[in-house]
Amino acid sequence: MKDQPLIDEPLKQELSALYRAEGRHYHNLAHIEAMLVLAADYRALFGDPEAVEAAIWFHDAIYDSKAKDNEARSAALAGKKLAGRTDAGRLDRIGAMILATATHQLPRFDDDTATRDASLFLDMDLSILGAAPDAFDAYERAVRREYDWVEEPMWRAGRGTVLKDFIARPRIFHTEEFRQRFEPQARLNMARSLETLQRPS
């Protein structure tokens, strides 16, 4: 069981096919690859880098913009596909990290190392918020395309609520490393986006 990697090539191929599905304009393979690059940058900080990599690969595996249970279904898929590759405690940690992407609030772990891994994982997922303005704007357009079935007034209200929630948090990012690298720009990006959404159309 320990000799088998959590995420091997056949599983990567299987998951890549899900991320290439039509209609995924942001929650696609490019998003996973961007997170894997960040994971490589911060690998020395992880207690269990393989578990974090597994959470990255699975966290948006199921994505339907009309559904409310994507994270739960993605976590269930991870549990199913990774069963037999590792122990139950590790599977639970991976599942908890995936579920936490619904709210980006930290899951409760008794273990400081697991908490740290989850903090870094969630921060990587949100790093696009602190990207350069052009990259952030491209992300906003891509998410809008994923929700192209939502009428513009509803979109403006819903997206505005999401942005206000993040802006109101004392900290957007859980770790000092990501706060220093991304938080100031994230606040500028989101304030600018909110202003655009609140303008009369």
Protein backbone atom coordinates (compact mmCIF):
# COMPACT_ATOMS: atom_id res chain seq x y z
CA MET A 1 0.00 0.00 0.00
CA LYS A 2 2.77 2.45 0.88
CA ASP A 3 4.75 1.74 -2.30
CA GLN A 4 1.91 2.88 -4.53
CA PRO A 5 1.80 6.66 -5.02
CA LEU A 6 -1.46 8.34 -4.06
CA ILE A 7 -1.76 9.92 -7.50
CA ASP A 8 -0.24 7.83 -10.28
CA GLU A 9 -0.21 8.52 -14.03
CA PRO A 10 -3.41 6.58 -14.89
CA LEU A 11 -5.30 8.49 -12.19
CA LYS A 12 -3.86 11.81 -13.41
CA GLN A 13 -5.09 10.97 -16.92
CA GLU A 14 -8.54 10.04 -15.63
CA LEU A 15 -8.84 13.27 -13.61
CA SER A 16 -7.38 15.39 -16.43
CA ALA A 17 -10.23 14.20 -18.67
CA LEU A 18 -12.76 15.52 -16.11
CA TYR A 19 -10.98 18.90 -15.98
CA ARG A 20 -11.05 19.14 -19.77
CA ALA A 21 -14.84 18.85 -19.91
CA GLU A 22 -16.76 21.41 -21.94
CA GLY A 23 -17.95 24.41 -19.97
CA ARG A 24 -14.96 24.54 -17.63
CA HIS A 25 -13.47 27.95 -18.28
CA TYR A 26 -11.69 28.45 -14.96
CA HIS A 27 -12.13 25.24 -12.94
CA ASN A 28 -10.08 23.32 -15.47
CA LEU A 29 -6.69 21.68 -15.85
CA ALA A 30 -4.89 25.05 -15.98
CA HIS A 31 -6.18 25.79 -12.45
CA ILE A 32 -4.89 22.44 -11.19
CA GLU A 33 -1.52 22.96 -12.88
CA ALA A 34 -1.20 26.45 -11.36
CA MET A 35 -1.84 25.00 -7.90
CA LEU A 36 0.69 22.21 -8.48
CA VAL A 37 3.33 24.85 -9.37
CA LEU A 38 2.60 26.65 -6.07
CA ALA A 39 2.72 23.32 -4.22
CA ALA A 40 6.19 22.74 -5.66
CA ASP A 41 7.24 26.25 -4.51
CA TYR A 42 6.09 25.60 -0.95
CA ARG A 43 6.75 21.85 -0.75
CA ALA A 44 9.24 22.22 2.10
CA LEU A 45 6.47 23.63 4.31
CA PHE A 46 4.10 20.65 3.94
CA GLY A 47 3.87 17.85 6.47
CA ASP A 48 2.34 15.49 3.87
CA PRO A 49 3.00 16.90 0.39
CA GLU A 50 1.50 13.84 -1.34
CA ALA A 51 -1.81 14.27 0.50
CA VAL A 52 -1.89 17.95 -0.49
CA GLU A 53 -1.20 16.99 -4.11
CA ALA A 54 -4.09 14.51 -3.97
CA ALA A 55 -6.41 17.20 -2.58
CA ILE A 56 -5.35 19.53 -5.41
CA TRP A 57 -6.08 16.93 -8.06
CA PHE A 58 -9.50 16.02 -6.67
CA HIS A 59 -10.86 19.27 -5.24
CA ASP A 60 -12.71 20.40 -8.39
CA ALA A 61 -12.98 16.99 -10.06
CA ILE A 62 -16.77 17.28 -9.95
CA TYR A 63 -17.83 20.73 -11.08
CA ASP A 64 -21.31 21.76 -12.15
CA SER A 65 -22.07 25.46 -11.73
CA LYS A 66 -25.77 24.64 -11.16
CA ALA A 67 -25.03 22.21 -8.29
CA LYS A 68 -24.49 22.95 -4.60
CA ASP A 69 -22.66 19.72 -3.70
CA ASN A 70 -19.59 19.78 -5.96
CA GLU A 71 -17.14 19.72 -3.05
CA ALA A 72 -18.92 16.83 -1.31
CA ARG A 73 -19.04 14.83 -4.54
CA SER A 74 -15.37 15.58 -5.29
CA ALA A 75 -14.40 14.47 -1.76
CA ALA A 76 -16.45 11.28 -2.19
CA LEU A 77 -14.72 10.59 -5.51
CA ALA A 78 -11.32 11.02 -3.83
CA GLY A 79 -12.33 8.58 -1.09
CA LYS A 80 -13.43 6.04 -3.67
CA LYS A 81 -10.44 6.36 -6.02
CA LEU A 82 -7.79 6.51 -3.26
CA ALA A 83 -9.24 3.69 -1.13
CA GLY A 84 -6.62 0.98 -0.71
CA ARG A 85 -3.75 3.36 -1.51
CA THR A 86 -3.41 4.75 2.01
CA ASP A 87 -4.89 4.61 5.51
CA ALA A 88 -8.32 5.89 6.56
CA GLY A 89 -6.95 8.79 8.62
CA ARG A 90 -5.06 10.19 5.66
CA LEU A 91 -8.09 9.75 3.39
CA ASP A 92 -10.18 11.66 5.93
CA ARG A 93 -7.68 14.53 5.93
CA ILE A 94 -7.71 14.70 2.13
CA GLY A 95 -11.51 14.66 2.12
CA ALA A 96 -11.67 17.39 4.78
CA MET A 97 -9.35 19.63 2.73
CA ILE A 98 -11.55 19.19 -0.35
CA LEU A 99 -14.76 19.88 1.60
CA ALA A 100 -13.19 23.05 3.03
CA THR A 101 -12.98 24.61 -0.44
CA ALA A 102 -16.76 25.20 -0.20
CA THR A 103 -16.25 27.99 2.36
CA HIS A 104 -12.47 28.36 2.58
CA GLN A 105 -12.73 28.08 6.35
CA LEU A 106 -10.13 25.80 7.94
CA PRO A 107 -11.27 22.29 8.83
CA ARG A 108 -10.83 21.28 12.47
CA PHE A 109 -7.85 18.98 12.90
CA ASP A 110 -6.28 17.82 16.16
CA ASP A 111 -2.94 17.79 14.39
CA ASP A 112 -1.03 21.06 13.81
CA THR A 113 0.72 19.64 10.75
CA ALA A 114 -2.60 18.72 9.12
CA THR A 115 -3.94 22.20 9.91
CA ARG A 116 -0.87 23.79 8.35
CA ASP A 117 -1.21 21.63 5.21
CA ALA A 118 -4.90 22.56 4.90
CA SER A 119 -4.06 26.26 5.39
CA LEU A 120 -1.52 26.20 2.58
CA PHE A 121 -3.84 24.16 0.34
CA LEU A 122 -6.74 26.61 0.75
CA ASP A 123 -4.41 29.57 0.20
CA MET A 124 -3.13 28.04 -3.03
CA ASP A 125 -6.71 27.61 -4.23
CA LEU A 126 -7.41 31.32 -3.63
CA SER A 127 -4.08 32.64 -4.91
CA ILE A 128 -5.75 33.79 -8.17
CA LEU A 129 -7.45 36.53 -6.11
CA GLY A 130 -4.02 38.10 -5.59
CA ALA A 131 -2.81 37.68 -9.17
CA ALA A 132 -1.75 40.58 -11.37
CA PRO A 133 -4.80 42.63 -12.47
CA ASP A 134 -4.89 41.21 -16.03
CA ALA A 135 -4.79 37.62 -14.76
CA PHE A 136 -7.45 38.39 -12.13
CA ASP A 137 -9.70 39.96 -14.77
CA ALA A 138 -9.30 36.91 -17.01
CA TYR A 139 -10.27 34.71 -14.04
CA GLU A 140 -13.39 36.82 -13.41
CA ARG A 141 -14.41 36.53 -17.07
CA ALA A 142 -13.83 32.77 -17.03
CA VAL A 143 -15.98 32.28 -13.92
CA ARG A 144 -18.73 34.41 -15.49
CA ARG A 145 -18.67 32.11 -18.54
CA GLU A 146 -19.12 29.10 -16.24
CA TYR A 147 -22.25 30.80 -14.93
CA ASP A 148 -23.50 32.05 -18.31
CA TRP A 149 -26.94 30.62 -17.48
CA VAL A 150 -27.33 33.21 -14.69
CA GLU A 151 -28.96 36.46 -15.79
CA GLU A 152 -26.81 39.56 -15.37
CA PRO A 153 -28.67 41.22 -12.43
CA MET A 154 -28.61 37.93 -10.48
CA TRP A 155 -24.95 37.42 -11.34
CA ARG A 156 -24.00 40.90 -10.14
CA ALA A 157 -25.84 40.41 -6.86
CA GLY A 158 -24.47 36.90 -6.23
CA ARG A 159 -20.90 37.63 -7.22
CA GLY A 160 -21.01 40.87 -5.25
CA THR A 161 -22.02 38.95 -2.12
CA VAL A 162 -19.10 36.52 -2.56
CA LEU A 163 -16.59 39.35 -2.98
CA LYS A 164 -17.99 41.32 -0.02
CA ASP A 165 -17.69 38.22 2.16
CA PHE A 166 -13.99 37.83 1.31
CA ILE A 167 -13.24 41.55 1.65
CA ALA A 168 -14.92 41.60 5.09
CA ARG A 169 -12.66 38.84 6.42
CA PRO A 170 -9.85 40.13 8.64
CA ARG A 171 -7.57 37.88 6.59
CA ILE A 172 -8.25 36.34 3.19
CA PHE A 173 -5.28 33.98 3.39
CA HIS A 174 -4.61 31.64 6.31
CA THR A 175 -0.79 31.62 6.18
CA GLU A 176 1.71 34.40 6.62
CA GLU A 177 3.53 33.35 3.43
CA PHE A 178 0.43 33.82 1.27
CA ARG A 179 -0.74 36.94 3.09
CA GLN A 180 2.55 38.65 2.32
CA ARG A 181 2.62 37.47 -1.28
CA PHE A 182 -1.03 37.87 -2.31
CA GLU A 183 -3.26 39.70 0.21
CA PRO A 184 -2.66 43.38 -0.70
CA GLN A 185 -3.24 42.73 -4.42
CA ALA A 186 -6.23 40.46 -3.68
CA ARG A 187 -7.95 43.27 -1.79
CA LEU A 188 -7.28 45.75 -4.61
CA ASN A 189 -8.53 43.29 -7.25
CA MET A 190 -11.72 42.42 -5.40
CA ALA A 191 -12.54 46.05 -4.52
CA ARG A 192 -12.14 46.97 -8.20
CA SER A 193 -14.31 44.05 -9.29
CA LEU A 194 -16.99 44.94 -6.76
CA GLU A 195 -17.04 48.52 -7.97
CA THR A 196 -17.58 47.30 -11.55
CA LEU A 197 -20.40 44.97 -10.46
CA GLN A 198 -22.16 47.78 -8.58
CA ARG A 199 -22.05 50.22 -11.50
CA PRO A 200 -25.39 50.70 -13.31
CA SER A 201 -25.36 48.52 -16.43
